[in-house]
Amino acid sequence: MNPNISALYTIANKPERVIIGLMSGTSVDGLDVALCRISGQGTQTNVQLLAFETVVYDKVFKDHIKSIFSKRSVDLEKVCLLNAWVGTEHASIILNCLKKWNTVPAAVDLIASHGQTIYHAPKLLHPDDEFDNATLQIGDGDHIAVKTGIITLSDFRQKHVAAGGEGAPLAVYGDYLIFSSRKENRIMLNIGGIANFTYLPSGLDVAEVFSTDVGTGNTLMDAYVQAHFQGKYFDENASIARQGKINEALLSALKDNEFFTNDFPKTIGPELFNLDYLNAAMQTAGCKDLSHGDIMATLNRFSADMIVDALHRCMTNRNDFVVYTSGGGMHNPLLMEHIHAQLPGITFRDTAELEVNPDAKEAVLFAILANEAVAGGQVALGAGRHGIPAVSMGKISFPS
């Protein structure tokens, strides 16, 4: 037997595994690194977060990614070069974190790497051609495995697409395994660049569980700040948005897109919701001379309204759901004020109350996907709902 296969077999049969989960989202602000101890599999999965850090990307890294991110036409040579380079950079970040945490690489069983999405292309964005759903992440897993010496699982989204999904959101798989409750109706709301949620009604019925994107979280606000405020990457504490007033005409134009009326589950990204989308909405609304504050106030409300609209659609006027928040958007106070104000009677908490750091949640969920790929794969999640295939995900890269 190949020694790598033997090592993987041993890991799969251990009572618990130490897995590093990595997440780099559409905000391209940094790499989330979560060191997890995971035991069990399926609905018996137990997770302990041993250490966590978000390593902020420097300007060089951000500029490289943004040169090819969410663009229909890019330099193919640079895509090729960055695929390897991002993997190597992520490996260096992992090794630095392990050194900081006084943990040797040999103590880690697996790495679960999401990679860096550079283009997401659900059929909605190209309805008139012969192609189906597609998505592309860079940051090659072999480079991570070789540099760290740790077996690495990566490229999770491709199996989802191959089995009939859109490649996102994948949170439903981990959310169901560790956050489902027989006693409490839960919605796991993650507000990253794109906002998404997982619907977890009590009872653990896999046919009722789903996850869906709902529209913009931070992506439009971040893009606007980066375009107009040199050196700033986001609207800290909503300070810019609070200086302005919501423009109703612009808000209406922003909401006028078929994506918002499509059935769940669905996915989207900055390929649609970008500054071109904002500029088109401003032209439609006839409001080209708004202040930065007014535009940011309107974008903030736009994100909140579409989140609320989606939650209303799945809760069907019930108020017995608890919404657990995570992601960078939960730290935007104005955004959360808008959401709370429109959902009176709904209880809001964050995932810290479920013993998972809300900033680490997505990285932890990828560690769970790796655990399922190696030691689980027996829960037929999604079998009853279109767009959520019952599959295990992750390509395996050996260090030698």
Protein backbone atom coordinates (compact mmCIF):
# COMPACT_ATOMS: atom_id res chain seq x y z
CA MET A 1 0.00 0.00 0.00
CA ASN A 2 1.22 3.50 -0.77
CA PRO A 3 2.43 5.04 2.53
CA ASN A 4 0.24 8.10 1.93
CA ILE A 5 -2.85 5.91 1.58
CA SER A 6 -1.84 4.03 4.71
CA ALA A 7 -1.45 7.30 6.62
CA LEU A 8 -4.86 8.50 5.44
CA TYR A 9 -6.43 5.18 6.47
CA THR A 10 -4.95 5.56 9.93
CA ILE A 11 -6.24 9.13 10.22
CA ALA A 12 -9.72 8.07 9.11
CA ASN A 13 -9.86 5.44 11.86
CA LYS A 14 -8.64 7.64 14.70
CA PRO A 15 -11.21 8.52 17.41
CA GLU A 16 -10.43 12.20 16.82
CA ARG A 17 -8.54 14.27 14.27
CA VAL A 18 -6.75 17.62 14.43
CA ILE A 19 -7.74 19.57 11.32
CA ILE A 20 -6.87 23.08 10.17
CA GLY A 21 -9.72 24.80 8.35
CA LEU A 22 -8.92 27.69 6.01
CA MET A 23 -11.29 30.28 4.61
CA SER A 24 -10.59 33.22 2.31
CA GLY A 25 -13.80 34.87 1.17
CA THR A 26 -14.97 37.26 -1.51
CA SER A 27 -13.96 40.23 0.63
CA VAL A 28 -10.30 39.19 0.08
CA ASP A 29 -9.37 40.74 3.42
CA GLY A 30 -7.45 37.89 4.97
CA LEU A 31 -7.11 34.16 5.63
CA ASP A 32 -9.09 32.63 8.49
CA VAL A 33 -7.07 29.81 10.08
CA ALA A 34 -8.93 27.55 12.53
CA LEU A 35 -7.15 24.75 14.40
CA CYS A 36 -9.84 22.24 15.33
CA ARG A 37 -10.06 18.95 17.18
CA ILE A 38 -12.89 16.92 15.67
CA SER A 39 -14.29 13.61 16.86
CA GLY A 40 -17.03 11.48 15.37
CA GLN A 41 -18.74 12.04 12.05
CA GLY A 42 -22.19 12.81 10.71
CA THR A 43 -24.62 14.07 13.33
CA GLN A 44 -22.26 12.73 16.01
CA THR A 45 -19.58 15.25 15.01
CA ASN A 46 -18.03 17.19 17.89
CA VAL A 47 -15.75 20.17 17.33
CA GLN A 48 -13.37 21.96 19.67
CA LEU A 49 -11.74 25.13 18.37
CA LEU A 50 -8.17 24.99 19.70
CA ALA A 51 -6.86 28.21 18.14
CA PHE A 52 -7.96 30.77 15.61
CA GLU A 53 -6.53 33.75 13.79
CA THR A 54 -7.43 35.91 10.84
CA VAL A 55 -4.20 36.79 9.04
CA VAL A 56 -4.79 40.05 7.20
CA TYR A 57 -3.53 40.11 3.63
CA ASP A 58 -1.05 42.80 2.74
CA LYS A 59 -1.61 45.21 -0.15
CA VAL A 60 0.55 43.16 -2.52
CA PHE A 61 -1.58 40.05 -1.98
CA LYS A 62 -4.85 41.96 -2.34
CA ASP A 63 -3.71 43.72 -5.50
CA HIS A 64 -2.66 40.44 -7.12
CA ILE A 65 -6.01 38.80 -6.38
CA LYS A 66 -8.05 41.83 -7.42
CA SER A 67 -6.28 41.91 -10.78
CA ILE A 68 -8.07 38.65 -11.70
CA PHE A 69 -11.03 38.58 -9.27
CA SER A 70 -14.59 38.41 -10.65
CA LYS A 71 -13.53 39.63 -14.09
CA ARG A 72 -14.69 38.07 -17.34
CA SER A 73 -11.39 38.85 -19.08
CA VAL A 74 -8.07 38.41 -17.28
CA ASP A 75 -4.42 37.56 -17.94
CA LEU A 76 -4.45 33.75 -18.15
CA GLU A 77 -0.76 33.54 -17.35
CA LYS A 78 -1.36 35.42 -14.09
CA VAL A 79 -4.19 33.04 -13.15
CA CYS A 80 -1.79 30.15 -13.70
CA LEU A 81 0.97 31.76 -11.64
CA LEU A 82 -1.32 32.83 -8.80
CA ASN A 83 -2.85 29.37 -8.46
CA ALA A 84 0.52 28.09 -7.25
CA TRP A 85 1.54 31.29 -5.48
CA VAL A 86 -1.62 31.55 -3.35
CA GLY A 87 -1.18 27.92 -2.27
CA THR A 88 2.40 28.64 -1.25
CA GLU A 89 1.43 31.84 0.57
CA HIS A 90 -1.34 30.05 2.45
CA ALA A 91 1.10 27.32 3.44
CA SER A 92 3.47 29.92 4.87
CA ILE A 93 0.62 31.46 6.86
CA ILE A 94 -0.28 28.02 8.26
CA LEU A 95 3.28 27.33 9.35
CA ASN A 96 3.55 30.75 10.99
CA CYS A 97 0.30 30.18 12.88
CA LEU A 98 1.42 26.75 14.07
CA LYS A 99 4.69 28.22 15.32
CA LYS A 100 2.76 30.94 17.16
CA TRP A 101 0.48 28.30 18.68
CA ASN A 102 3.45 26.09 19.73
CA THR A 103 2.10 23.27 17.57
CA VAL A 104 4.31 21.18 15.28
CA PRO A 105 2.98 20.27 11.81
CA ALA A 106 3.24 16.56 12.69
CA ALA A 107 0.50 17.12 15.30
CA VAL A 108 -1.97 18.11 12.56
CA ASP A 109 -3.77 15.35 10.67
CA LEU A 110 -5.35 17.32 7.83
CA ILE A 111 -5.67 20.76 6.27
CA ALA A 112 -9.00 21.79 4.73
CA SER A 113 -8.43 24.64 2.28
CA HIS A 114 -11.25 26.54 0.65
CA GLY A 115 -8.84 28.44 -1.61
CA GLN A 116 -9.59 31.85 -3.09
CA THR A 117 -12.62 32.19 -5.33
CA ILE A 118 -11.78 34.18 -8.44
CA TYR A 119 -14.98 33.58 -10.41
CA HIS A 120 -18.41 32.17 -9.63
CA ALA A 121 -20.66 31.43 -12.59
CA PRO A 122 -24.07 29.97 -11.73
CA LYS A 123 -26.31 29.42 -14.75
CA LEU A 124 -28.23 32.58 -13.84
CA LEU A 125 -25.30 34.66 -15.08
CA HIS A 126 -24.99 32.91 -18.46
CA PRO A 127 -28.48 31.60 -19.30
CA ASP A 128 -28.13 31.66 -23.08
CA ASP A 129 -25.14 29.38 -23.64
CA GLU A 130 -24.67 25.62 -23.51
CA PHE A 131 -22.73 25.62 -20.24
CA ASP A 132 -24.02 24.76 -16.78
CA ASN A 133 -23.01 26.00 -13.32
CA ALA A 134 -19.32 26.58 -12.67
CA THR A 135 -17.03 28.09 -10.06
CA LEU A 136 -13.26 28.51 -9.79
CA GLN A 137 -11.00 28.72 -6.75
CA ILE A 138 -7.20 29.06 -6.82
CA GLY A 139 -4.56 28.16 -4.22
CA ASP A 140 -3.42 24.71 -5.24
CA GLY A 141 -3.70 22.00 -2.56
CA ASP A 142 -0.54 20.17 -3.65
CA HIS A 143 1.54 23.26 -2.91
CA ILE A 144 0.02 23.50 0.57
CA ALA A 145 0.57 19.80 1.27
CA VAL A 146 4.17 19.74 0.06
CA LYS A 147 5.21 22.89 1.89
CA THR A 148 3.51 22.01 5.21
CA GLY A 149 4.02 18.24 5.11
CA ILE A 150 0.31 17.80 5.97
CA ILE A 151 -2.31 15.93 3.92
CA THR A 152 -4.52 18.61 2.40
CA LEU A 153 -8.11 18.55 1.15
CA SER A 154 -9.08 21.37 -1.18
CA ASP A 155 -11.28 22.40 -4.12
CA PHE A 156 -14.45 21.38 -2.26
CA ARG A 157 -16.85 23.21 -4.52
CA GLN A 158 -16.17 21.19 -7.69
CA LYS A 159 -17.87 18.00 -6.44
CA HIS A 160 -20.92 20.05 -5.50
CA VAL A 161 -21.13 21.40 -9.07
CA ALA A 162 -20.42 18.00 -10.63
CA ALA A 163 -23.31 16.49 -8.64
CA GLY A 164 -25.79 19.14 -9.79
CA GLY A 165 -25.31 22.03 -7.34
CA GLU A 166 -24.00 25.52 -7.95
CA GLY A 167 -20.86 25.11 -5.87
CA ALA A 168 -22.26 27.24 -3.06
CA PRO A 169 -23.21 27.80 -0.38
CA LEU A 170 -21.57 24.83 1.30
CA ALA A 171 -22.31 25.92 4.86
CA VAL A 172 -25.42 23.73 5.00
CA TYR A 173 -23.33 20.56 5.28
CA GLY A 174 -21.42 21.64 8.37
CA ASP A 175 -24.28 23.66 9.84
CA TYR A 176 -26.58 20.65 9.80
CA LEU A 177 -24.02 18.36 11.43
CA ILE A 178 -23.08 20.58 14.38
CA PHE A 179 -25.84 23.17 14.81
CA SER A 180 -29.09 21.25 14.25
CA SER A 181 -31.42 21.03 17.25
CA ARG A 182 -34.45 18.90 18.00
CA LYS A 183 -35.81 21.60 20.28
CA GLU A 184 -35.08 24.90 18.49
CA ASN A 185 -35.80 26.22 15.01
CA ARG A 186 -32.56 27.83 13.85
CA ILE A 187 -31.32 29.98 11.02
CA MET A 188 -27.55 30.29 10.66
CA LEU A 189 -27.07 33.71 9.03
CA ASN A 190 -23.59 34.41 7.69
CA ILE A 191 -22.92 37.93 6.41
CA GLY A 192 -19.70 37.93 4.44
CA GLY A 193 -19.14 39.57 1.08
CA ILE A 194 -22.30 37.76 0.05
CA ALA A 195 -24.96 37.02 2.68
CA ASN A 196 -26.27 33.49 3.04
CA PHE A 197 -28.13 31.42 5.57
CA THR A 198 -28.84 27.81 6.47
CA TYR A 199 -32.40 26.86 7.40
CA LEU A 200 -32.48 24.35 10.26
CA PRO A 201 -36.02 23.63 11.47
CA SER A 202 -36.18 21.50 14.59
CA GLY A 203 -36.51 17.78 14.10
CA LEU A 204 -33.34 17.08 12.07
CA ASP A 205 -35.29 16.26 8.89
CA VAL A 206 -32.64 16.45 6.15
CA ALA A 207 -35.30 16.97 3.47
CA GLU A 208 -36.26 20.34 5.00
CA VAL A 209 -32.75 21.67 5.50
CA PHE A 210 -31.25 24.01 2.92
CA SER A 211 -28.74 26.81 2.50
CA THR A 212 -28.92 29.73 0.09
CA ASP A 213 -27.29 32.99 -0.86
CA VAL A 214 -29.62 35.94 -0.45
CA GLY A 215 -27.69 38.84 -2.01
CA THR A 216 -25.09 41.33 -0.93
CA GLY A 217 -23.58 41.38 2.50
CA ASN A 218 -20.47 43.55 2.53
CA THR A 219 -19.36 43.25 -1.08
CA LEU A 220 -20.94 46.39 -2.57
CA MET A 221 -20.19 48.52 0.48
CA ASP A 222 -16.58 47.34 0.56
CA ALA A 223 -16.11 47.90 -3.18
CA TYR A 224 -17.45 51.45 -2.91
CA VAL A 225 -15.24 52.32 0.05
CA GLN A 226 -12.16 50.93 -1.67
CA ALA A 227 -12.93 52.92 -4.82
CA HIS A 228 -13.52 56.26 -3.10
CA PHE A 229 -11.58 56.25 0.20
CA GLN A 230 -7.89 55.61 -0.33
CA GLY A 231 -6.39 53.23 2.21
CA LYS A 232 -9.78 52.08 3.53
CA TYR A 233 -11.15 48.61 2.83
CA PHE A 234 -14.52 48.75 4.60
CA ASP A 235 -16.88 51.13 6.37
CA GLU A 236 -15.68 50.66 9.94
CA ASN A 237 -18.55 51.00 12.43
CA ALA A 238 -20.73 52.20 9.50
CA SER A 239 -19.26 55.67 10.05
CA ILE A 240 -19.66 56.70 6.40
CA ALA A 241 -23.17 55.27 6.05
CA ARG A 242 -24.33 57.05 9.21
CA GLN A 243 -23.42 60.40 7.64
CA GLY A 244 -25.93 59.94 4.82
CA LYS A 245 -29.60 59.36 4.12
CA ILE A 246 -31.21 56.44 2.32
CA ASN A 247 -32.21 57.33 -1.25
CA GLU A 248 -35.46 55.48 -1.93
CA ALA A 249 -35.19 55.68 -5.73
CA LEU A 250 -31.73 54.14 -5.70
CA LEU A 251 -32.81 51.53 -3.16
CA SER A 252 -35.69 50.50 -5.41
CA ALA A 253 -33.41 50.25 -8.45
CA LEU A 254 -30.91 48.11 -6.55
CA LYS A 255 -33.67 45.67 -5.62
CA ASP A 256 -34.86 45.32 -9.20
CA ASN A 257 -33.16 42.09 -10.24
CA GLU A 258 -34.55 38.64 -11.00
CA PHE A 259 -32.09 37.04 -8.57
CA PHE A 260 -34.19 38.19 -5.63
CA THR A 261 -37.35 36.45 -6.86
CA ASN A 262 -35.67 33.16 -7.78
CA ASP A 263 -36.45 30.15 -5.62
CA PHE A 264 -34.12 28.85 -2.89
CA PRO A 265 -31.44 27.57 -2.97
CA LYS A 266 -29.50 29.95 -5.20
CA THR A 267 -26.04 31.45 -5.35
CA ILE A 268 -24.45 34.66 -6.56
CA GLY A 269 -21.29 36.71 -6.16
CA PRO A 270 -19.52 39.96 -7.04
CA GLU A 271 -19.77 38.90 -10.68
CA LEU A 272 -23.27 40.45 -10.49
CA PHE A 273 -23.16 42.67 -7.42
CA ASN A 274 -20.30 45.03 -8.22
CA LEU A 275 -19.76 48.73 -8.93
CA ASP A 276 -21.17 48.34 -12.45
CA TYR A 277 -24.39 47.09 -10.85
CA LEU A 278 -24.44 50.14 -8.57
CA ASN A 279 -23.75 52.55 -11.43
CA ALA A 280 -26.54 51.03 -13.53
CA ALA A 281 -28.96 51.37 -10.60
CA MET A 282 -27.95 55.00 -10.09
CA GLN A 283 -28.58 55.72 -13.75
CA THR A 284 -31.99 54.04 -13.59
CA ALA A 285 -32.86 56.02 -10.46
CA GLY A 286 -31.60 59.28 -11.97
CA CYS A 287 -29.45 60.10 -8.96
CA LYS A 288 -25.88 60.56 -10.16
CA ASP A 289 -24.98 63.35 -7.70
CA LEU A 290 -25.51 61.63 -4.36
CA SER A 291 -22.96 62.09 -1.58
CA HIS A 292 -20.75 59.22 -0.51
CA GLY A 293 -22.71 59.07 2.73
CA ASP A 294 -26.06 58.78 0.93
CA ILE A 295 -24.78 56.01 -1.33
CA MET A 296 -23.31 54.08 1.58
CA ALA A 297 -26.46 54.51 3.65
CA THR A 298 -28.50 53.15 0.75
CA LEU A 299 -26.16 50.22 0.12
CA ASN A 300 -26.27 49.35 3.81
CA ARG A 301 -30.07 49.32 3.78
CA PHE A 302 -30.09 47.35 0.51
CA SER A 303 -28.07 44.53 2.09
CA ALA A 304 -30.29 44.52 5.17
CA ASP A 305 -33.57 44.55 3.24
CA MET A 306 -32.68 41.62 1.02
CA ILE A 307 -31.51 39.59 4.01
CA VAL A 308 -34.78 40.36 5.79
CA ASP A 309 -36.85 39.58 2.69
CA ALA A 310 -35.21 36.16 2.35
CA LEU A 311 -35.68 35.37 6.04
CA HIS A 312 -39.36 36.34 5.83
CA ARG A 313 -39.81 34.00 2.88
CA CYS A 314 -38.52 30.96 4.74
CA MET A 315 -39.95 31.75 8.18
CA THR A 316 -43.44 32.35 6.72
CA ASN A 317 -44.50 34.84 9.39
CA ARG A 318 -43.35 32.63 12.29
CA ASN A 319 -41.31 34.16 15.09
CA ASP A 320 -40.17 30.95 16.80
CA PHE A 321 -36.82 30.90 14.97
CA VAL A 322 -33.53 31.88 16.57
CA VAL A 323 -31.14 33.56 14.13
CA TYR A 324 -27.45 32.88 14.84
CA THR A 325 -25.18 35.36 13.10
CA SER A 326 -21.59 35.08 11.91
CA GLY A 327 -19.28 36.76 9.40
CA GLY A 328 -17.85 40.26 9.06
CA GLY A 329 -21.22 41.91 8.47
CA MET A 330 -22.34 41.13 12.01
CA HIS A 331 -19.81 43.77 13.14
CA ASN A 332 -21.51 46.49 11.07
CA PRO A 333 -23.79 48.10 13.69
CA LEU A 334 -26.05 49.95 11.24
CA LEU A 335 -26.61 46.86 9.12
CA MET A 336 -27.61 44.86 12.19
CA GLU A 337 -29.89 47.68 13.39
CA HIS A 338 -31.75 47.61 10.07
CA ILE A 339 -32.15 43.83 10.22
CA HIS A 340 -33.30 43.74 13.85
CA ALA A 341 -35.79 46.57 13.33
CA GLN A 342 -37.56 44.68 10.55
CA LEU A 343 -37.76 41.38 12.42
CA PRO A 344 -39.44 42.22 15.73
CA GLY A 345 -40.00 39.20 17.91
CA ILE A 346 -37.14 37.23 16.36
CA THR A 347 -34.34 36.26 18.73
CA PHE A 348 -30.84 37.08 17.50
CA ARG A 349 -27.72 35.48 18.90
CA ASP A 350 -24.32 34.65 17.49
CA THR A 351 -22.61 31.30 17.15
CA ALA A 352 -20.43 31.92 20.21
CA GLU A 353 -23.48 30.75 22.16
CA LEU A 354 -23.14 27.45 20.30
CA GLU A 355 -19.43 27.32 21.23
CA VAL A 356 -18.11 28.36 17.80
CA ASN A 357 -16.39 31.73 17.39
CA PRO A 358 -18.57 33.55 14.79
CA ASP A 359 -15.51 34.92 13.01
CA ALA A 360 -14.07 31.40 12.75
CA LYS A 361 -17.29 29.65 11.72
CA GLU A 362 -16.65 29.28 7.99
CA ALA A 363 -13.10 28.01 8.49
CA VAL A 364 -14.42 25.52 11.06
CA LEU A 365 -17.08 24.35 8.60
CA PHE A 366 -14.42 23.48 6.02
CA ALA A 367 -12.58 21.46 8.64
CA ILE A 368 -15.84 19.58 9.17
CA LEU A 369 -16.16 18.96 5.41
CA ALA A 370 -12.66 17.45 5.43
CA ASN A 371 -13.58 15.28 8.40
CA GLU A 372 -16.68 14.04 6.57
CA ALA A 373 -14.68 13.30 3.41
CA VAL A 374 -12.20 11.16 5.33
CA ALA A 375 -14.19 9.66 8.20
CA GLY A 376 -17.89 10.18 7.40
CA GLY A 377 -19.91 10.56 4.23
CA GLN A 378 -22.90 8.61 5.50
CA VAL A 379 -25.46 11.42 5.94
CA ALA A 380 -27.62 11.85 2.83
CA LEU A 381 -28.02 15.57 3.35
CA GLY A 382 -29.77 17.27 0.45
CA ALA A 383 -31.28 14.12 -1.01
CA GLY A 384 -34.73 15.65 -0.86
CA ARG A 385 -34.00 19.09 -2.30
CA HIS A 386 -32.75 20.29 -5.67
CA GLY A 387 -29.39 22.02 -5.66
CA ILE A 388 -28.05 20.38 -2.49
CA PRO A 389 -26.48 17.10 -3.62
CA ALA A 390 -25.76 14.42 -1.03
CA VAL A 391 -22.00 14.22 -1.56
CA SER A 392 -18.70 14.30 0.29
CA MET A 393 -16.35 16.97 -1.01
CA GLY A 394 -12.65 17.69 -1.18
CA LYS A 395 -9.71 16.60 -3.36
CA ILE A 396 -6.86 14.97 -1.49
CA SER A 397 -3.26 16.13 -1.89
CA PHE A 398 -0.42 14.17 -0.32
CA PRO A 399 2.78 15.85 0.90
CA SER A 400 5.10 13.41 -0.90
